[in-house]
Amino acid sequence: ETPDKWFGVTYKEDKQAVVDSLKA
């Protein structure tokens, strides 16, 4: 089990959330 939160660019609109998550 891993508690980490996945993210990816499944949809074009996901990109900004990925950028923001990595910045954090």
mmCIF file of all heavy atoms, coordinates in Angstrom:
data_MODEL
# 
_entry.id   MODEL 
# 
loop_
_atom_site.group_PDB 
_atom_site.id 
_atom_site.type_symbol 
_atom_site.label_atom_id 
_atom_site.label_alt_id 
_atom_site.label_comp_id 
_atom_site.label_asym_id 
_atom_site.label_entity_id 
_atom_site.label_seq_id 
_atom_site.pdbx_PDB_ins_code 
_atom_site.Cartn_x 
_atom_site.Cartn_y 
_atom_site.Cartn_z 
_atom_site.occupancy 
_atom_site.B_iso_or_equiv 
_atom_site.pdbx_formal_charge 
_atom_site.auth_seq_id 
_atom_site.auth_comp_id 
_atom_site.auth_asym_id 
_atom_site.auth_atom_id 
_atom_site.pdbx_PDB_model_num 
ATOM 1   N N   . GLU A 1 1  ? 0.827   -1.207 0.000   1.00 0.00 ? 1  GLU A N   1 
ATOM 2   C CA  . GLU A 1 1  ? 0.000   0.000  0.000   1.00 0.00 ? 1  GLU A CA  1 
ATOM 3   C C   . GLU A 1 1  ? 0.861   1.257  0.000   1.00 0.00 ? 1  GLU A C   1 
ATOM 4   O O   . GLU A 1 1  ? 1.845   1.349  0.733   1.00 0.00 ? 1  GLU A O   1 
ATOM 5   C CB  . GLU A 1 1  ? -0.923  -0.011 1.214   1.00 0.00 ? 1  GLU A CB  1 
ATOM 6   C CG  . GLU A 1 1  ? -1.889  1.164  1.253   1.00 0.00 ? 1  GLU A CG  1 
ATOM 7   C CD  . GLU A 1 1  ? -2.864  1.080  2.409   1.00 0.00 ? 1  GLU A CD  1 
ATOM 8   O OE1 . GLU A 1 1  ? -3.507  0.019  2.564   1.00 0.00 ? 1  GLU A OE1 1 
ATOM 9   O OE2 . GLU A 1 1  ? -2.954  2.065  3.170   1.00 0.00 ? 1  GLU A OE2 1 
ATOM 10  N N   . THR A 1 2  ? 0.486   2.213  -0.823  1.00 0.00 ? 2  THR A N   1 
ATOM 11  C CA  . THR A 1 2  ? 1.154   3.504  -0.847  1.00 0.00 ? 2  THR A CA  1 
ATOM 12  C C   . THR A 1 2  ? 0.132   4.609  -0.607  1.00 0.00 ? 2  THR A C   1 
ATOM 13  O O   . THR A 1 2  ? -0.947  4.593  -1.203  1.00 0.00 ? 2  THR A O   1 
ATOM 14  C CB  . THR A 1 2  ? 1.896   3.742  -2.183  1.00 0.00 ? 2  THR A CB  1 
ATOM 15  O OG1 . THR A 1 2  ? 2.342   5.109  -2.226  1.00 0.00 ? 2  THR A OG1 1 
ATOM 16  C CG2 . THR A 1 2  ? 1.001   3.465  -3.384  1.00 0.00 ? 2  THR A CG2 1 
ATOM 17  N N   . PRO A 1 3  ? 0.469   5.570  0.252   1.00 0.00 ? 3  PRO A N   1 
ATOM 18  C CA  . PRO A 1 3  ? -0.459  6.662  0.532   1.00 0.00 ? 3  PRO A CA  1 
ATOM 19  C C   . PRO A 1 3  ? -0.350  7.809  -0.471  1.00 0.00 ? 3  PRO A C   1 
ATOM 20  O O   . PRO A 1 3  ? -1.096  8.778  -0.379  1.00 0.00 ? 3  PRO A O   1 
ATOM 21  C CB  . PRO A 1 3  ? -0.021  7.128  1.922   1.00 0.00 ? 3  PRO A CB  1 
ATOM 22  C CG  . PRO A 1 3  ? 1.468   6.890  1.918   1.00 0.00 ? 3  PRO A CG  1 
ATOM 23  C CD  . PRO A 1 3  ? 1.674   5.633  1.105   1.00 0.00 ? 3  PRO A CD  1 
ATOM 24  N N   . ASP A 1 4  ? 0.588   7.700  -1.415  1.00 0.00 ? 4  ASP A N   1 
ATOM 25  C CA  . ASP A 1 4  ? 0.838   8.820  -2.329  1.00 0.00 ? 4  ASP A CA  1 
ATOM 26  C C   . ASP A 1 4  ? -0.352  9.078  -3.242  1.00 0.00 ? 4  ASP A C   1 
ATOM 27  O O   . ASP A 1 4  ? -1.120  8.168  -3.574  1.00 0.00 ? 4  ASP A O   1 
ATOM 28  C CB  . ASP A 1 4  ? 2.080   8.559  -3.174  1.00 0.00 ? 4  ASP A CB  1 
ATOM 29  C CG  . ASP A 1 4  ? 3.359   8.717  -2.361  1.00 0.00 ? 4  ASP A CG  1 
ATOM 30  O OD1 . ASP A 1 4  ? 3.387   9.595  -1.487  1.00 0.00 ? 4  ASP A OD1 1 
ATOM 31  O OD2 . ASP A 1 4  ? 4.316   7.967  -2.607  1.00 0.00 ? 4  ASP A OD2 1 
ATOM 32  N N   . LYS A 1 5  ? -0.465  10.310 -3.662  1.00 0.00 ? 5  LYS A N   1 
ATOM 33  C CA  . LYS A 1 5  ? -1.536  10.719 -4.573  1.00 0.00 ? 5  LYS A CA  1 
ATOM 34  C C   . LYS A 1 5  ? -1.012  10.672 -6.004  1.00 0.00 ? 5  LYS A C   1 
ATOM 35  O O   . LYS A 1 5  ? -0.014  11.300 -6.330  1.00 0.00 ? 5  LYS A O   1 
ATOM 36  C CB  . LYS A 1 5  ? -2.028  12.133 -4.232  1.00 0.00 ? 5  LYS A CB  1 
ATOM 37  C CG  . LYS A 1 5  ? -3.161  12.625 -5.135  1.00 0.00 ? 5  LYS A CG  1 
ATOM 38  C CD  . LYS A 1 5  ? -3.683  13.964 -4.668  1.00 0.00 ? 5  LYS A CD  1 
ATOM 39  C CE  . LYS A 1 5  ? -4.704  14.542 -5.640  1.00 0.00 ? 5  LYS A CE  1 
ATOM 40  N NZ  . LYS A 1 5  ? -5.843  13.672 -5.909  1.00 0.00 ? 5  LYS A NZ  1 
ATOM 41  N N   . TRP A 1 6  ? -1.705  9.899  -6.837  1.00 0.00 ? 6  TRP A N   1 
ATOM 42  C CA  . TRP A 1 6  ? -1.377  9.834  -8.260  1.00 0.00 ? 6  TRP A CA  1 
ATOM 43  C C   . TRP A 1 6  ? -1.800  11.120 -8.949  1.00 0.00 ? 6  TRP A C   1 
ATOM 44  O O   . TRP A 1 6  ? -2.768  11.764 -8.561  1.00 0.00 ? 6  TRP A O   1 
ATOM 45  C CB  . TRP A 1 6  ? -2.136  8.667  -8.895  1.00 0.00 ? 6  TRP A CB  1 
ATOM 46  C CG  . TRP A 1 6  ? -2.190  8.728  -10.400 1.00 0.00 ? 6  TRP A CG  1 
ATOM 47  C CD1 . TRP A 1 6  ? -1.317  8.179  -11.286 1.00 0.00 ? 6  TRP A CD1 1 
ATOM 48  C CD2 . TRP A 1 6  ? -3.178  9.393  -11.206 1.00 0.00 ? 6  TRP A CD2 1 
ATOM 49  N NE1 . TRP A 1 6  ? -1.686  8.456  -12.572 1.00 0.00 ? 6  TRP A NE1 1 
ATOM 50  C CE2 . TRP A 1 6  ? -2.824  9.205  -12.555 1.00 0.00 ? 6  TRP A CE2 1 
ATOM 51  C CE3 . TRP A 1 6  ? -4.325  10.131 -10.907 1.00 0.00 ? 6  TRP A CE3 1 
ATOM 52  C CZ2 . TRP A 1 6  ? -3.580  9.708  -13.615 1.00 0.00 ? 6  TRP A CZ2 1 
ATOM 53  C CZ3 . TRP A 1 6  ? -5.069  10.659 -11.953 1.00 0.00 ? 6  TRP A CZ3 1 
ATOM 54  C CH2 . TRP A 1 6  ? -4.697  10.446 -13.284 1.00 0.00 ? 6  TRP A CH2 1 
ATOM 55  N N   . PHE A 1 7  ? -1.043  11.484 -9.976  1.00 0.00 ? 7  PHE A N   1 
ATOM 56  C CA  . PHE A 1 7  ? -1.578  12.443 -10.936 1.00 0.00 ? 7  PHE A CA  1 
ATOM 57  C C   . PHE A 1 7  ? -0.969  12.179 -12.296 1.00 0.00 ? 7  PHE A C   1 
ATOM 58  O O   . PHE A 1 7  ? 0.072   11.546 -12.435 1.00 0.00 ? 7  PHE A O   1 
ATOM 59  C CB  . PHE A 1 7  ? -1.396  13.909 -10.498 1.00 0.00 ? 7  PHE A CB  1 
ATOM 60  C CG  . PHE A 1 7  ? -0.007  14.305 -10.064 1.00 0.00 ? 7  PHE A CG  1 
ATOM 61  C CD1 . PHE A 1 7  ? 0.985   14.569 -10.993 1.00 0.00 ? 7  PHE A CD1 1 
ATOM 62  C CD2 . PHE A 1 7  ? 0.286   14.446 -8.722  1.00 0.00 ? 7  PHE A CD2 1 
ATOM 63  C CE1 . PHE A 1 7  ? 2.250   14.969 -10.588 1.00 0.00 ? 7  PHE A CE1 1 
ATOM 64  C CE2 . PHE A 1 7  ? 1.563   14.845 -8.311  1.00 0.00 ? 7  PHE A CE2 1 
ATOM 65  C CZ  . PHE A 1 7  ? 2.541   15.108 -9.253  1.00 0.00 ? 7  PHE A CZ  1 
ATOM 66  N N   . GLY A 1 8  ? -1.669  12.625 -13.316 1.00 0.00 ? 8  GLY A N   1 
ATOM 67  C CA  . GLY A 1 8  ? -1.220  12.413 -14.684 1.00 0.00 ? 8  GLY A CA  1 
ATOM 68  C C   . GLY A 1 8  ? -2.051  13.261 -15.623 1.00 0.00 ? 8  GLY A C   1 
ATOM 69  O O   . GLY A 1 8  ? -3.062  13.850 -15.230 1.00 0.00 ? 8  GLY A O   1 
ATOM 70  N N   . VAL A 1 9  ? -1.612  13.303 -16.879 1.00 0.00 ? 9  VAL A N   1 
ATOM 71  C CA  . VAL A 1 9  ? -2.320  14.114 -17.868 1.00 0.00 ? 9  VAL A CA  1 
ATOM 72  C C   . VAL A 1 9  ? -3.229  13.194 -18.679 1.00 0.00 ? 9  VAL A C   1 
ATOM 73  O O   . VAL A 1 9  ? -2.983  12.892 -19.845 1.00 0.00 ? 9  VAL A O   1 
ATOM 74  C CB  . VAL A 1 9  ? -1.335  14.889 -18.773 1.00 0.00 ? 9  VAL A CB  1 
ATOM 75  C CG1 . VAL A 1 9  ? -2.097  15.881 -19.659 1.00 0.00 ? 9  VAL A CG1 1 
ATOM 76  C CG2 . VAL A 1 9  ? -0.311  15.641 -17.932 1.00 0.00 ? 9  VAL A CG2 1 
ATOM 77  N N   . THR A 1 10 ? -4.281  12.700 -18.025 1.00 0.00 ? 10 THR A N   1 
ATOM 78  C CA  . THR A 1 10 ? -5.275  11.888 -18.723 1.00 0.00 ? 10 THR A CA  1 
ATOM 79  C C   . THR A 1 10 ? -6.059  12.766 -19.700 1.00 0.00 ? 10 THR A C   1 
ATOM 80  O O   . THR A 1 10 ? -6.381  12.355 -20.812 1.00 0.00 ? 10 THR A O   1 
ATOM 81  C CB  . THR A 1 10 ? -6.231  11.230 -17.713 1.00 0.00 ? 10 THR A CB  1 
ATOM 82  O OG1 . THR A 1 10 ? -5.466  10.467 -16.776 1.00 0.00 ? 10 THR A OG1 1 
ATOM 83  C CG2 . THR A 1 10 ? -7.224  10.324 -18.425 1.00 0.00 ? 10 THR A CG2 1 
ATOM 84  N N   . TYR A 1 11 ? -6.368  13.968 -19.248 1.00 0.00 ? 11 TYR A N   1 
ATOM 85  C CA  . TYR A 1 11 ? -7.092  14.938 -20.070 1.00 0.00 ? 11 TYR A CA  1 
ATOM 86  C C   . TYR A 1 11 ? -6.250  16.207 -20.188 1.00 0.00 ? 11 TYR A C   1 
ATOM 87  O O   . TYR A 1 11 ? -5.443  16.516 -19.300 1.00 0.00 ? 11 TYR A O   1 
ATOM 88  C CB  . TYR A 1 11 ? -8.452  15.274 -19.438 1.00 0.00 ? 11 TYR A CB  1 
ATOM 89  C CG  . TYR A 1 11 ? -9.359  14.074 -19.315 1.00 0.00 ? 11 TYR A CG  1 
ATOM 90  C CD1 . TYR A 1 11 ? -9.386  13.322 -18.142 1.00 0.00 ? 11 TYR A CD1 1 
ATOM 91  C CD2 . TYR A 1 11 ? -10.150 13.668 -20.379 1.00 0.00 ? 11 TYR A CD2 1 
ATOM 92  C CE1 . TYR A 1 11 ? -10.186 12.202 -18.022 1.00 0.00 ? 11 TYR A CE1 1 
ATOM 93  C CE2 . TYR A 1 11 ? -10.961 12.554 -20.276 1.00 0.00 ? 11 TYR A CE2 1 
ATOM 94  C CZ  . TYR A 1 11 ? -10.977 11.826 -19.095 1.00 0.00 ? 11 TYR A CZ  1 
ATOM 95  O OH  . TYR A 1 11 ? -11.772 10.712 -19.002 1.00 0.00 ? 11 TYR A OH  1 
ATOM 96  N N   . LYS A 1 12 ? -6.457  16.934 -21.267 1.00 0.00 ? 12 LYS A N   1 
ATOM 97  C CA  . LYS A 1 12 ? -5.695  18.159 -21.493 1.00 0.00 ? 12 LYS A CA  1 
ATOM 98  C C   . LYS A 1 12 ? -5.821  19.102 -20.304 1.00 0.00 ? 12 LYS A C   1 
ATOM 99  O O   . LYS A 1 12 ? -4.862  19.777 -19.904 1.00 0.00 ? 12 LYS A O   1 
ATOM 100 C CB  . LYS A 1 12 ? -6.184  18.842 -22.777 1.00 0.00 ? 12 LYS A CB  1 
ATOM 101 C CG  . LYS A 1 12 ? -5.382  20.064 -23.186 1.00 0.00 ? 12 LYS A CG  1 
ATOM 102 C CD  . LYS A 1 12 ? -5.897  20.639 -24.500 1.00 0.00 ? 12 LYS A CD  1 
ATOM 103 C CE  . LYS A 1 12 ? -5.089  21.860 -24.917 1.00 0.00 ? 12 LYS A CE  1 
ATOM 104 N NZ  . LYS A 1 12 ? -5.600  22.438 -26.196 1.00 0.00 ? 12 LYS A NZ  1 
ATOM 105 N N   . GLU A 1 13 ? -7.010  19.114 -19.702 1.00 0.00 ? 13 GLU A N   1 
ATOM 106 C CA  . GLU A 1 13 ? -7.266  20.012 -18.589 1.00 0.00 ? 13 GLU A CA  1 
ATOM 107 C C   . GLU A 1 13 ? -6.493  19.625 -17.317 1.00 0.00 ? 13 GLU A C   1 
ATOM 108 O O   . GLU A 1 13 ? -6.410  20.405 -16.365 1.00 0.00 ? 13 GLU A O   1 
ATOM 109 C CB  . GLU A 1 13 ? -8.766  20.052 -18.270 1.00 0.00 ? 13 GLU A CB  1 
ATOM 110 C CG  . GLU A 1 13 ? -9.634  20.624 -19.378 1.00 0.00 ? 13 GLU A CG  1 
ATOM 111 C CD  . GLU A 1 13 ? -9.953  19.609 -20.479 1.00 0.00 ? 13 GLU A CD  1 
ATOM 112 O OE1 . GLU A 1 13 ? -9.534  18.430 -20.354 1.00 0.00 ? 13 GLU A OE1 1 
ATOM 113 O OE2 . GLU A 1 13 ? -10.621 19.986 -21.453 1.00 0.00 ? 13 GLU A OE2 1 
ATOM 114 N N   . ASP A 1 14 ? -5.948  18.394 -17.289 1.00 0.00 ? 14 ASP A N   1 
ATOM 115 C CA  . ASP A 1 14 ? -5.213  17.936 -16.111 1.00 0.00 ? 14 ASP A CA  1 
ATOM 116 C C   . ASP A 1 14 ? -3.840  18.588 -15.987 1.00 0.00 ? 14 ASP A C   1 
ATOM 117 O O   . ASP A 1 14 ? -3.245  18.586 -14.903 1.00 0.00 ? 14 ASP A O   1 
ATOM 118 C CB  . ASP A 1 14 ? -5.001  16.415 -16.168 1.00 0.00 ? 14 ASP A CB  1 
ATOM 119 C CG  . ASP A 1 14 ? -6.277  15.620 -15.982 1.00 0.00 ? 14 ASP A CG  1 
ATOM 120 O OD1 . ASP A 1 14 ? -7.191  16.128 -15.327 1.00 0.00 ? 14 ASP A OD1 1 
ATOM 121 O OD2 . ASP A 1 14 ? -6.335  14.491 -16.493 1.00 0.00 ? 14 ASP A OD2 1 
ATOM 122 N N   . LYS A 1 15 ? -3.312  19.117 -17.078 1.00 0.00 ? 15 LYS A N   1 
ATOM 123 C CA  . LYS A 1 15 ? -1.912  19.550 -17.076 1.00 0.00 ? 15 LYS A CA  1 
ATOM 124 C C   . LYS A 1 15 ? -1.620  20.574 -15.991 1.00 0.00 ? 15 LYS A C   1 
ATOM 125 O O   . LYS A 1 15 ? -0.617  20.464 -15.268 1.00 0.00 ? 15 LYS A O   1 
ATOM 126 C CB  . LYS A 1 15 ? -1.506  20.105 -18.442 1.00 0.00 ? 15 LYS A CB  1 
ATOM 127 C CG  . LYS A 1 15 ? -0.042  20.553 -18.451 1.00 0.00 ? 15 LYS A CG  1 
ATOM 128 C CD  . LYS A 1 15 ? 0.391   21.157 -19.772 1.00 0.00 ? 15 LYS A CD  1 
ATOM 129 C CE  . LYS A 1 15 ? 1.816   21.696 -19.666 1.00 0.00 ? 15 LYS A CE  1 
ATOM 130 N NZ  . LYS A 1 15 ? 2.295   22.299 -20.920 1.00 0.00 ? 15 LYS A NZ  1 
ATOM 131 N N   . GLN A 1 16 ? -2.462  21.590 -15.835 1.00 0.00 ? 16 GLN A N   1 
ATOM 132 C CA  . GLN A 1 16 ? -2.172  22.637 -14.862 1.00 0.00 ? 16 GLN A CA  1 
ATOM 133 C C   . GLN A 1 16 ? -2.142  22.081 -13.447 1.00 0.00 ? 16 GLN A C   1 
ATOM 134 O O   . GLN A 1 16 ? -1.319  22.501 -12.622 1.00 0.00 ? 16 GLN A O   1 
ATOM 135 C CB  . GLN A 1 16 ? -3.190  23.775 -14.967 1.00 0.00 ? 16 GLN A CB  1 
ATOM 136 C CG  . GLN A 1 16 ? -2.802  25.016 -14.159 1.00 0.00 ? 16 GLN A CG  1 
ATOM 137 C CD  . GLN A 1 16 ? -1.443  25.560 -14.539 1.00 0.00 ? 16 GLN A CD  1 
ATOM 138 O OE1 . GLN A 1 16 ? -1.143  25.770 -15.720 1.00 0.00 ? 16 GLN A OE1 1 
ATOM 139 N NE2 . GLN A 1 16 ? -0.593  25.785 -13.536 1.00 0.00 ? 16 GLN A NE2 1 
ATOM 140 N N   . ALA A 1 17 ? -3.025  21.131 -13.160 1.00 0.00 ? 17 ALA A N   1 
ATOM 141 C CA  . ALA A 1 17 ? -3.027  20.520 -11.825 1.00 0.00 ? 17 ALA A CA  1 
ATOM 142 C C   . ALA A 1 17 ? -1.717  19.772 -11.575 1.00 0.00 ? 17 ALA A C   1 
ATOM 143 O O   . ALA A 1 17 ? -1.190  19.778 -10.452 1.00 0.00 ? 17 ALA A O   1 
ATOM 144 C CB  . ALA A 1 17 ? -4.216  19.574 -11.686 1.00 0.00 ? 17 ALA A CB  1 
ATOM 145 N N   . VAL A 1 18 ? -1.180  19.113 -12.613 1.00 0.00 ? 18 VAL A N   1 
ATOM 146 C CA  . VAL A 1 18 ? 0.096   18.416 -12.485 1.00 0.00 ? 18 VAL A CA  1 
ATOM 147 C C   . VAL A 1 18 ? 1.220   19.419 -12.229 1.00 0.00 ? 18 VAL A C   1 
ATOM 148 O O   . VAL A 1 18 ? 2.066   19.229 -11.345 1.00 0.00 ? 18 VAL A O   1 
ATOM 149 C CB  . VAL A 1 18 ? 0.395   17.576 -13.742 1.00 0.00 ? 18 VAL A CB  1 
ATOM 150 C CG1 . VAL A 1 18 ? 1.798   16.978 -13.684 1.00 0.00 ? 18 VAL A CG1 1 
ATOM 151 C CG2 . VAL A 1 18 ? -0.642  16.467 -13.898 1.00 0.00 ? 18 VAL A CG2 1 
ATOM 152 N N   . VAL A 1 19 ? 1.240   20.483 -13.004 1.00 0.00 ? 19 VAL A N   1 
ATOM 153 C CA  . VAL A 1 19 ? 2.256   21.532 -12.833 1.00 0.00 ? 19 VAL A CA  1 
ATOM 154 C C   . VAL A 1 19 ? 2.204   22.084 -11.408 1.00 0.00 ? 19 VAL A C   1 
ATOM 155 O O   . VAL A 1 19 ? 3.237   22.230 -10.737 1.00 0.00 ? 19 VAL A O   1 
ATOM 156 C CB  . VAL A 1 19 ? 2.048   22.669 -13.858 1.00 0.00 ? 19 VAL A CB  1 
ATOM 157 C CG1 . VAL A 1 19 ? 2.954   23.860 -13.539 1.00 0.00 ? 19 VAL A CG1 1 
ATOM 158 C CG2 . VAL A 1 19 ? 2.314   22.165 -15.278 1.00 0.00 ? 19 VAL A CG2 1 
ATOM 159 N N   . ASP A 1 20 ? 1.004   22.385 -10.928 1.00 0.00 ? 20 ASP A N   1 
ATOM 160 C CA  . ASP A 1 20 ? 0.842   22.941 -9.584  1.00 0.00 ? 20 ASP A CA  1 
ATOM 161 C C   . ASP A 1 20 ? 1.263   21.934 -8.511  1.00 0.00 ? 20 ASP A C   1 
ATOM 162 O O   . ASP A 1 20 ? 1.886   22.309 -7.501  1.00 0.00 ? 20 ASP A O   1 
ATOM 163 C CB  . ASP A 1 20 ? -0.606  23.370 -9.354  1.00 0.00 ? 20 ASP A CB  1 
ATOM 164 C CG  . ASP A 1 20 ? -1.021  24.546 -10.240 1.00 0.00 ? 20 ASP A CG  1 
ATOM 165 O OD1 . ASP A 1 20 ? -0.131  25.240 -10.768 1.00 0.00 ? 20 ASP A OD1 1 
ATOM 166 O OD2 . ASP A 1 20 ? -2.244  24.748 -10.413 1.00 0.00 ? 20 ASP A OD2 1 
ATOM 167 N N   . SER A 1 21 ? 0.934   20.665 -8.705  1.00 0.00 ? 21 SER A N   1 
ATOM 168 C CA  . SER A 1 21 ? 1.285   19.628 -7.727  1.00 0.00 ? 21 SER A CA  1 
ATOM 169 C C   . SER A 1 21 ? 2.790   19.466 -7.621  1.00 0.00 ? 21 SER A C   1 
ATOM 170 O O   . SER A 1 21 ? 3.349   19.362 -6.515  1.00 0.00 ? 21 SER A O   1 
ATOM 171 C CB  . SER A 1 21 ? 0.640   18.295 -8.108  1.00 0.00 ? 21 SER A CB  1 
ATOM 172 O OG  . SER A 1 21 ? -0.765  18.366 -8.058  1.00 0.00 ? 21 SER A OG  1 
ATOM 173 N N   . LEU A 1 22 ? 3.468   19.457 -8.758  1.00 0.00 ? 22 LEU A N   1 
ATOM 174 C CA  . LEU A 1 22 ? 4.925   19.324 -8.737  1.00 0.00 ? 22 LEU A CA  1 
ATOM 175 C C   . LEU A 1 22 ? 5.586   20.556 -8.125  1.00 0.00 ? 22 LEU A C   1 
ATOM 176 O O   . LEU A 1 22 ? 6.561   20.452 -7.374  1.00 0.00 ? 22 LEU A O   1 
ATOM 177 C CB  . LEU A 1 22 ? 5.449   19.076 -10.152 1.00 0.00 ? 22 LEU A CB  1 
ATOM 178 C CG  . LEU A 1 22 ? 5.195   17.673 -10.688 1.00 0.00 ? 22 LEU A CG  1 
ATOM 179 C CD1 . LEU A 1 22 ? 5.503   17.593 -12.184 1.00 0.00 ? 22 LEU A CD1 1 
ATOM 180 C CD2 . LEU A 1 22 ? 6.045   16.644 -9.931  1.00 0.00 ? 22 LEU A CD2 1 
ATOM 181 N N   . LYS A 1 23 ? 5.040   21.721 -8.430  1.00 0.00 ? 23 LYS A N   1 
ATOM 182 C CA  . LYS A 1 23 ? 5.577   22.958 -7.846  1.00 0.00 ? 23 LYS A CA  1 
ATOM 183 C C   . LYS A 1 23 ? 5.487   22.905 -6.316  1.00 0.00 ? 23 LYS A C   1 
ATOM 184 O O   . LYS A 1 23 ? 6.427   23.300 -5.605  1.00 0.00 ? 23 LYS A O   1 
ATOM 185 C CB  . LYS A 1 23 ? 4.800   24.157 -8.388  1.00 0.00 ? 23 LYS A CB  1 
ATOM 186 C CG  . LYS A 1 23 ? 5.410   25.512 -8.033  1.00 0.00 ? 23 LYS A CG  1 
ATOM 187 C CD  . LYS A 1 23 ? 4.583   26.653 -8.622  1.00 0.00 ? 23 LYS A CD  1 
ATOM 188 C CE  . LYS A 1 23 ? 4.613   26.639 -10.138 1.00 0.00 ? 23 LYS A CE  1 
ATOM 189 N NZ  . LYS A 1 23 ? 3.884   27.809 -10.720 1.00 0.00 ? 23 LYS A NZ  1 
ATOM 190 N N   . ALA A 1 24 ? 4.359   22.374 -5.820  1.00 0.00 ? 24 ALA A N   1 
ATOM 191 C CA  . ALA A 1 24 ? 4.185   22.258 -4.367  1.00 0.00 ? 24 ALA A CA  1 
ATOM 192 C C   . ALA A 1 24 ? 5.161   21.248 -3.777  1.00 0.00 ? 24 ALA A C   1 
ATOM 193 O O   . ALA A 1 24 ? 5.739   21.483 -2.701  1.00 0.00 ? 24 ALA A O   1 
ATOM 194 C CB  . ALA A 1 24 ? 2.744   21.853 -4.050  1.00 0.00 ? 24 ALA A CB  1 
# 
